[in-house]
Amino acid sequence: MTGKRYYITTISDWARHAGSFANSHWFALEQDESIASKTDREAIIGAAINEPGAPALRETGHLASATRIIALIEADEGTHGRLDDDSSFEALPHPLSQKPISSAAQSTLASHGVAPGASTFDTTEILARRHPLLRHRVF
């Protein structure tokens, strides 16, 4: 059975595990204004479906591998367990728990309008303005 969780990580760490994801979407948190034009949208927003080194990553070589991202990852319980044990992934609380995100995550996301005390749900609503697939959905 697969589940969805939100994580803050880097592009290179995301790519290292991407082969075990059922589906994933990410948003670059550190944006170089020189590449933020509409034609470079894939440099800011990425998606991968079960492919190591996903096409979006290969096509955006001008983003550094250390670029911080927020990722929505759909995967099985074993994969989420491995990500929880990997110190390069910070798991955000479940979106419906109403627990605030950590102060470290909030400071990383502050430039995108995420206020102190925001929950994961609040965060995903804010980021969905730039990347709609990051919005929390329950089907």
N, C-alpha and C. Protein backbone atom coordinates (compact mmCIF):
# COMPACT_ATOMS: atom_id res chain seq x y z
N MET A 1 0.84 -1.18 0.00
CA MET A 1 0.00 0.00 0.00
C MET A 1 0.89 1.24 0.00
N THR A 2 0.52 2.22 -0.78
CA THR A 2 1.31 3.45 -0.85
C THR A 2 0.65 4.55 -0.02
N GLY A 3 1.47 5.47 0.40
CA GLY A 3 1.01 6.64 1.13
C GLY A 3 1.76 7.86 0.64
N LYS A 4 1.24 9.04 0.96
CA LYS A 4 1.87 10.29 0.55
C LYS A 4 2.36 11.04 1.77
N ARG A 5 3.56 11.60 1.66
CA ARG A 5 4.13 12.43 2.71
C ARG A 5 4.92 13.56 2.07
N TYR A 6 5.07 14.63 2.83
CA TYR A 6 5.84 15.79 2.39
C TYR A 6 7.18 15.79 3.12
N TYR A 7 8.23 16.13 2.36
CA TYR A 7 9.59 16.17 2.91
C TYR A 7 10.31 17.41 2.40
N ILE A 8 11.25 17.90 3.20
CA ILE A 8 12.20 18.91 2.74
C ILE A 8 13.53 18.20 2.60
N THR A 9 14.16 18.36 1.44
CA THR A 9 15.42 17.67 1.14
C THR A 9 16.16 18.46 0.06
N THR A 10 17.10 17.84 -0.60
CA THR A 10 17.79 18.46 -1.73
C THR A 10 17.51 17.65 -2.99
N ILE A 11 17.78 18.24 -4.14
CA ILE A 11 17.54 17.54 -5.40
C ILE A 11 18.38 16.26 -5.47
N SER A 12 19.63 16.32 -5.06
CA SER A 12 20.47 15.13 -5.17
C SER A 12 19.99 14.02 -4.24
N ASP A 13 19.55 14.36 -3.03
CA ASP A 13 19.05 13.33 -2.12
C ASP A 13 17.72 12.76 -2.62
N TRP A 14 16.88 13.61 -3.18
CA TRP A 14 15.62 13.15 -3.78
C TRP A 14 15.92 12.17 -4.92
N ALA A 15 16.88 12.52 -5.78
CA ALA A 15 17.21 11.68 -6.93
C ALA A 15 17.79 10.34 -6.50
N ARG A 16 18.52 10.33 -5.38
CA ARG A 16 19.12 9.10 -4.87
C ARG A 16 18.05 8.06 -4.52
N HIS A 17 16.88 8.51 -4.10
CA HIS A 17 15.79 7.60 -3.71
C HIS A 17 14.67 7.52 -4.74
N ALA A 18 14.70 8.33 -5.78
CA ALA A 18 13.57 8.46 -6.72
C ALA A 18 13.13 7.14 -7.34
N GLY A 19 14.01 6.20 -7.51
CA GLY A 19 13.65 4.93 -8.11
C GLY A 19 12.65 4.12 -7.30
N SER A 20 12.53 4.43 -6.01
CA SER A 20 11.60 3.68 -5.17
C SER A 20 10.28 4.41 -4.94
N PHE A 21 10.10 5.57 -5.58
CA PHE A 21 8.84 6.32 -5.43
C PHE A 21 7.81 5.83 -6.43
N ALA A 22 6.56 5.74 -6.01
CA ALA A 22 5.47 5.46 -6.95
C ALA A 22 5.18 6.71 -7.76
N ASN A 23 5.34 7.87 -7.13
CA ASN A 23 5.07 9.15 -7.77
C ASN A 23 5.69 10.23 -6.89
N SER A 24 6.10 11.34 -7.48
CA SER A 24 6.67 12.42 -6.69
C SER A 24 6.58 13.72 -7.47
N HIS A 25 6.37 14.79 -6.73
CA HIS A 25 6.39 16.15 -7.28
C HIS A 25 7.21 16.99 -6.32
N TRP A 26 7.98 17.94 -6.86
CA TRP A 26 8.78 18.78 -5.99
C TRP A 26 8.79 20.21 -6.48
N PHE A 27 9.18 21.10 -5.54
CA PHE A 27 9.24 22.54 -5.81
C PHE A 27 10.56 23.05 -5.23
N ALA A 28 11.35 23.73 -6.07
CA ALA A 28 12.64 24.27 -5.62
C ALA A 28 12.40 25.45 -4.68
N LEU A 29 13.00 25.40 -3.51
CA LEU A 29 12.81 26.45 -2.51
C LEU A 29 13.79 27.59 -2.66
N GLU A 30 14.94 27.31 -3.24
CA GLU A 30 15.96 28.33 -3.46
C GLU A 30 15.97 28.65 -4.94
N GLN A 31 15.44 29.80 -5.28
CA GLN A 31 15.30 30.12 -6.69
C GLN A 31 16.26 31.21 -7.10
N ASP A 32 17.01 30.94 -8.13
CA ASP A 32 17.90 31.92 -8.73
C ASP A 32 17.03 32.77 -9.65
N GLU A 33 16.93 34.05 -9.37
CA GLU A 33 16.06 34.93 -10.16
C GLU A 33 16.40 34.92 -11.65
N SER A 34 17.64 34.61 -11.99
CA SER A 34 18.03 34.61 -13.41
C SER A 34 17.41 33.44 -14.17
N ILE A 35 16.93 32.40 -13.46
CA ILE A 35 16.32 31.26 -14.16
C ILE A 35 14.83 31.17 -13.89
N ALA A 36 14.28 32.13 -13.19
CA ALA A 36 12.88 32.04 -12.78
C ALA A 36 11.90 32.52 -13.84
N SER A 37 12.30 32.55 -15.08
CA SER A 37 11.38 32.98 -16.12
C SER A 37 10.39 31.88 -16.46
N LYS A 38 9.35 32.23 -17.16
CA LYS A 38 8.32 31.25 -17.52
C LYS A 38 8.90 30.11 -18.35
N THR A 39 9.88 30.38 -19.18
CA THR A 39 10.46 29.33 -20.02
C THR A 39 11.26 28.33 -19.21
N ASP A 40 11.65 28.69 -18.00
CA ASP A 40 12.41 27.79 -17.15
C ASP A 40 11.56 27.21 -16.03
N ARG A 41 10.25 27.10 -16.26
CA ARG A 41 9.34 26.59 -15.23
C ARG A 41 9.78 25.22 -14.71
N GLU A 42 10.29 24.34 -15.59
CA GLU A 42 10.73 23.03 -15.15
C GLU A 42 11.96 23.10 -14.26
N ALA A 43 12.66 24.22 -14.27
CA ALA A 43 13.79 24.39 -13.36
C ALA A 43 13.29 24.61 -11.93
N ILE A 44 12.08 25.09 -11.79
CA ILE A 44 11.52 25.39 -10.49
C ILE A 44 10.59 24.26 -10.03
N ILE A 45 9.86 23.66 -10.94
CA ILE A 45 8.89 22.62 -10.61
C ILE A 45 9.33 21.33 -11.26
N GLY A 46 9.34 20.25 -10.53
CA GLY A 46 9.75 18.96 -11.08
C GLY A 46 8.75 17.88 -10.77
N ALA A 47 8.77 16.84 -11.56
CA ALA A 47 7.92 15.68 -11.31
C ALA A 47 8.64 14.45 -11.80
N ALA A 48 8.43 13.36 -11.14
CA ALA A 48 9.02 12.09 -11.56
C ALA A 48 8.05 10.97 -11.27
N ILE A 49 8.01 10.00 -12.14
CA ILE A 49 7.20 8.82 -11.90
C ILE A 49 8.11 7.61 -12.01
N ASN A 50 8.55 7.13 -10.85
CA ASN A 50 9.29 5.87 -10.75
C ASN A 50 10.47 5.75 -11.71
N GLU A 51 11.28 6.78 -11.81
CA GLU A 51 12.44 6.73 -12.70
C GLU A 51 13.63 7.39 -12.03
N PRO A 52 14.70 6.66 -11.78
CA PRO A 52 15.88 7.27 -11.17
C PRO A 52 16.42 8.41 -12.04
N GLY A 53 16.79 9.50 -11.42
CA GLY A 53 17.34 10.63 -12.16
C GLY A 53 16.31 11.28 -13.05
N ALA A 54 15.07 11.23 -12.67
CA ALA A 54 13.90 11.69 -13.41
C ALA A 54 14.17 12.70 -14.51
N PRO A 55 13.37 12.68 -15.59
CA PRO A 55 13.57 13.60 -16.70
C PRO A 55 13.63 15.06 -16.28
N ALA A 56 12.77 15.47 -15.34
CA ALA A 56 12.78 16.86 -14.91
C ALA A 56 14.13 17.24 -14.32
N LEU A 57 14.77 16.30 -13.64
CA LEU A 57 16.08 16.57 -13.06
C LEU A 57 17.14 16.68 -14.14
N ARG A 58 17.13 15.76 -15.10
CA ARG A 58 18.13 15.79 -16.17
C ARG A 58 18.01 17.05 -17.02
N GLU A 59 16.80 17.53 -17.23
CA GLU A 59 16.59 18.69 -18.08
C GLU A 59 16.91 20.00 -17.38
N THR A 60 17.12 19.96 -16.07
CA THR A 60 17.34 21.20 -15.34
C THR A 60 18.74 21.22 -14.73
N GLY A 61 19.72 20.93 -15.52
CA GLY A 61 21.09 20.87 -15.05
C GLY A 61 21.59 22.16 -14.44
N HIS A 62 20.91 23.30 -14.72
CA HIS A 62 21.38 24.55 -14.15
C HIS A 62 20.93 24.75 -12.71
N LEU A 63 20.15 23.82 -12.15
CA LEU A 63 19.87 23.84 -10.71
C LEU A 63 20.94 23.01 -10.03
N ALA A 64 21.52 23.53 -8.99
CA ALA A 64 22.56 22.80 -8.26
C ALA A 64 21.97 21.59 -7.56
N SER A 65 22.76 20.53 -7.44
CA SER A 65 22.27 19.32 -6.79
C SER A 65 21.98 19.56 -5.30
N ALA A 66 22.52 20.62 -4.73
CA ALA A 66 22.27 20.95 -3.33
C ALA A 66 21.06 21.86 -3.14
N THR A 67 20.35 22.17 -4.21
CA THR A 67 19.17 23.02 -4.11
C THR A 67 18.14 22.37 -3.21
N ARG A 68 17.65 23.11 -2.23
CA ARG A 68 16.64 22.59 -1.30
C ARG A 68 15.28 22.57 -2.00
N ILE A 69 14.54 21.50 -1.75
CA ILE A 69 13.21 21.33 -2.35
C ILE A 69 12.23 20.85 -1.29
N ILE A 70 10.95 21.08 -1.56
CA ILE A 70 9.90 20.40 -0.80
C ILE A 70 9.31 19.40 -1.77
N ALA A 71 9.18 18.17 -1.32
CA ALA A 71 8.72 17.10 -2.19
C ALA A 71 7.50 16.41 -1.60
N LEU A 72 6.53 16.15 -2.45
CA LEU A 72 5.41 15.28 -2.12
C LEU A 72 5.77 13.93 -2.70
N ILE A 73 5.92 12.95 -1.84
CA ILE A 73 6.38 11.63 -2.27
C ILE A 73 5.31 10.60 -1.97
N GLU A 74 4.91 9.87 -3.02
CA GLU A 74 4.00 8.75 -2.87
C GLU A 74 4.84 7.49 -2.99
N ALA A 75 4.79 6.66 -1.95
CA ALA A 75 5.62 5.45 -1.93
C ALA A 75 5.05 4.47 -0.92
N ASP A 76 5.63 3.27 -0.92
CA ASP A 76 5.19 2.27 0.05
C ASP A 76 5.77 2.57 1.42
N GLU A 77 5.29 1.85 2.43
CA GLU A 77 5.70 2.10 3.81
C GLU A 77 7.21 1.90 4.02
N GLY A 78 7.79 0.93 3.33
CA GLY A 78 9.22 0.69 3.46
C GLY A 78 10.04 1.88 2.99
N THR A 79 9.64 2.47 1.86
CA THR A 79 10.35 3.65 1.35
C THR A 79 10.21 4.81 2.31
N HIS A 80 9.00 5.05 2.82
CA HIS A 80 8.83 6.15 3.79
C HIS A 80 9.65 5.89 5.05
N GLY A 81 9.76 4.64 5.47
CA GLY A 81 10.60 4.31 6.62
C GLY A 81 12.06 4.64 6.37
N ARG A 82 12.55 4.31 5.16
CA ARG A 82 13.94 4.63 4.80
C ARG A 82 14.15 6.14 4.76
N LEU A 83 13.18 6.88 4.24
CA LEU A 83 13.31 8.34 4.18
C LEU A 83 13.29 8.93 5.59
N ASP A 84 12.47 8.38 6.48
CA ASP A 84 12.43 8.86 7.87
C ASP A 84 13.77 8.62 8.56
N ASP A 85 14.47 7.55 8.20
CA ASP A 85 15.77 7.23 8.80
C ASP A 85 16.92 8.00 8.17
N ASP A 86 16.69 8.62 7.02
CA ASP A 86 17.72 9.36 6.30
C ASP A 86 17.74 10.80 6.81
N SER A 87 18.83 11.22 7.40
CA SER A 87 18.91 12.56 8.00
C SER A 87 18.82 13.69 6.97
N SER A 88 18.96 13.37 5.68
CA SER A 88 18.86 14.42 4.66
C SER A 88 17.41 14.70 4.27
N PHE A 89 16.46 13.97 4.84
CA PHE A 89 15.02 14.19 4.60
C PHE A 89 14.36 14.63 5.89
N GLU A 90 13.69 15.78 5.87
CA GLU A 90 12.90 16.22 7.01
C GLU A 90 11.44 15.99 6.67
N ALA A 91 10.81 15.05 7.37
CA ALA A 91 9.40 14.76 7.14
C ALA A 91 8.55 15.82 7.82
N LEU A 92 7.56 16.32 7.09
CA LEU A 92 6.62 17.27 7.67
C LEU A 92 5.47 16.48 8.31
N PRO A 93 4.81 17.05 9.33
CA PRO A 93 3.68 16.35 9.95
C PRO A 93 2.57 16.08 8.93
N HIS A 94 1.73 15.09 9.21
CA HIS A 94 0.61 14.79 8.32
C HIS A 94 -0.21 16.06 8.14
N PRO A 95 -0.65 16.35 6.92
CA PRO A 95 -1.38 17.59 6.65
C PRO A 95 -2.65 17.78 7.46
N LEU A 96 -3.32 16.71 7.85
CA LEU A 96 -4.57 16.86 8.59
C LEU A 96 -4.38 16.84 10.11
N SER A 97 -3.13 16.71 10.57
CA SER A 97 -2.87 16.65 12.01
C SER A 97 -2.94 18.03 12.67
N GLN A 98 -2.84 19.08 11.91
CA GLN A 98 -2.82 20.46 12.38
C GLN A 98 -1.63 20.76 13.30
N LYS A 99 -0.62 19.89 13.32
CA LYS A 99 0.61 20.17 14.06
C LYS A 99 1.41 21.17 13.24
N PRO A 100 2.04 22.14 13.89
CA PRO A 100 2.86 23.08 13.13
C PRO A 100 4.13 22.39 12.61
N ILE A 101 4.61 22.89 11.48
CA ILE A 101 5.87 22.38 10.96
C ILE A 101 7.00 22.87 11.86
N SER A 102 8.15 22.24 11.78
CA SER A 102 9.27 22.63 12.65
C SER A 102 9.73 24.05 12.33
N SER A 103 10.40 24.66 13.29
CA SER A 103 10.90 26.02 13.06
C SER A 103 11.96 26.03 11.96
N ALA A 104 12.74 24.94 11.83
CA ALA A 104 13.72 24.86 10.74
C ALA A 104 13.03 24.81 9.39
N ALA A 105 11.96 24.02 9.28
CA ALA A 105 11.21 23.94 8.02
C ALA A 105 10.55 25.28 7.72
N GLN A 106 10.00 25.92 8.74
CA GLN A 106 9.34 27.21 8.54
C GLN A 106 10.32 28.25 8.05
N SER A 107 11.53 28.29 8.62
CA SER A 107 12.51 29.28 8.17
C SER A 107 12.93 29.01 6.73
N THR A 108 12.99 27.73 6.33
CA THR A 108 13.31 27.39 4.94
C THR A 108 12.20 27.85 4.00
N LEU A 109 10.95 27.78 4.47
CA LEU A 109 9.79 28.10 3.63
C LEU A 109 9.30 29.54 3.78
N ALA A 110 9.87 30.29 4.70
CA ALA A 110 9.40 31.65 4.98
C ALA A 110 9.40 32.56 3.76
N SER A 111 10.39 32.44 2.90
CA SER A 111 10.45 33.31 1.71
C SER A 111 9.30 33.05 0.73
N HIS A 112 8.58 31.96 0.94
CA HIS A 112 7.43 31.63 0.08
C HIS A 112 6.11 31.98 0.75
N GLY A 113 6.17 32.66 1.90
CA GLY A 113 4.96 33.12 2.57
C GLY A 113 4.46 32.22 3.69
N VAL A 114 5.24 31.24 4.10
CA VAL A 114 4.82 30.34 5.18
C VAL A 114 5.17 31.01 6.52
N ALA A 115 4.13 31.25 7.32
CA ALA A 115 4.29 31.96 8.59
C ALA A 115 4.64 31.00 9.73
N PRO A 116 5.24 31.51 10.80
CA PRO A 116 5.50 30.67 11.98
C PRO A 116 4.19 30.06 12.49
N GLY A 117 4.26 28.80 12.90
CA GLY A 117 3.07 28.12 13.41
C GLY A 117 2.20 27.50 12.33
N ALA A 118 2.60 27.62 11.08
CA ALA A 118 1.81 27.05 9.98
C ALA A 118 1.86 25.53 10.02
N SER A 119 0.76 24.90 9.68
CA SER A 119 0.72 23.44 9.59
C SER A 119 1.16 23.02 8.19
N THR A 120 1.32 21.73 8.01
CA THR A 120 1.66 21.22 6.68
C THR A 120 0.54 21.56 5.70
N PHE A 121 -0.71 21.46 6.14
CA PHE A 121 -1.84 21.79 5.26
C PHE A 121 -1.75 23.25 4.82
N ASP A 122 -1.50 24.17 5.77
CA ASP A 122 -1.35 25.59 5.42
C ASP A 122 -0.22 25.78 4.42
N THR A 123 0.89 25.09 4.67
CA THR A 123 2.06 25.18 3.80
C THR A 123 1.74 24.73 2.39
N THR A 124 1.04 23.60 2.26
CA THR A 124 0.74 23.08 0.92
C THR A 124 -0.24 24.01 0.18
N GLU A 125 -1.14 24.64 0.91
CA GLU A 125 -2.05 25.59 0.27
C GLU A 125 -1.29 26.79 -0.29
N ILE A 126 -0.31 27.27 0.46
CA ILE A 126 0.51 28.40 0.01
C ILE A 126 1.34 28.01 -1.21
N LEU A 127 2.02 26.86 -1.14
CA LEU A 127 2.88 26.42 -2.24
C LEU A 127 2.07 26.01 -3.47
N ALA A 128 0.83 25.60 -3.29
CA ALA A 128 -0.01 25.20 -4.43
C ALA A 128 -0.30 26.37 -5.37
N ARG A 129 -0.11 27.59 -4.91
CA ARG A 129 -0.27 28.75 -5.80
C ARG A 129 0.78 28.73 -6.91
N ARG A 130 1.95 28.14 -6.61
CA ARG A 130 3.03 28.05 -7.59
C ARG A 130 3.13 26.68 -8.23
N HIS A 131 2.73 25.63 -7.49
CA HIS A 131 2.78 24.26 -8.00
C HIS A 131 1.52 23.53 -7.51
N PRO A 132 0.45 23.57 -8.29
CA PRO A 132 -0.85 23.03 -7.86
C PRO A 132 -0.83 21.55 -7.44
N LEU A 133 0.09 20.77 -7.96
CA LEU A 133 0.12 19.35 -7.60
C LEU A 133 0.62 19.10 -6.18
N LEU A 134 1.13 20.12 -5.51
CA LEU A 134 1.57 19.97 -4.13
C LEU A 134 0.41 20.13 -3.14
N ARG A 135 -0.75 20.58 -3.60
CA ARG A 135 -1.90 20.74 -2.71
C ARG A 135 -2.29 19.39 -2.13
N HIS A 136 -2.61 19.38 -0.84
CA HIS A 136 -3.03 18.13 -0.20
C HIS A 136 -4.42 17.74 -0.72
N ARG A 137 -4.52 16.49 -1.17
CA ARG A 137 -5.79 15.98 -1.66
C ARG A 137 -6.09 14.64 -1.01
N VAL A 138 -7.35 14.41 -0.74
CA VAL A 138 -7.78 13.11 -0.23
C VAL A 138 -8.81 12.59 -1.21
N PHE A 139 -8.53 11.43 -1.82
CA PHE A 139 -9.53 10.85 -2.71
C PHE A 139 -10.00 9.58 -2.09
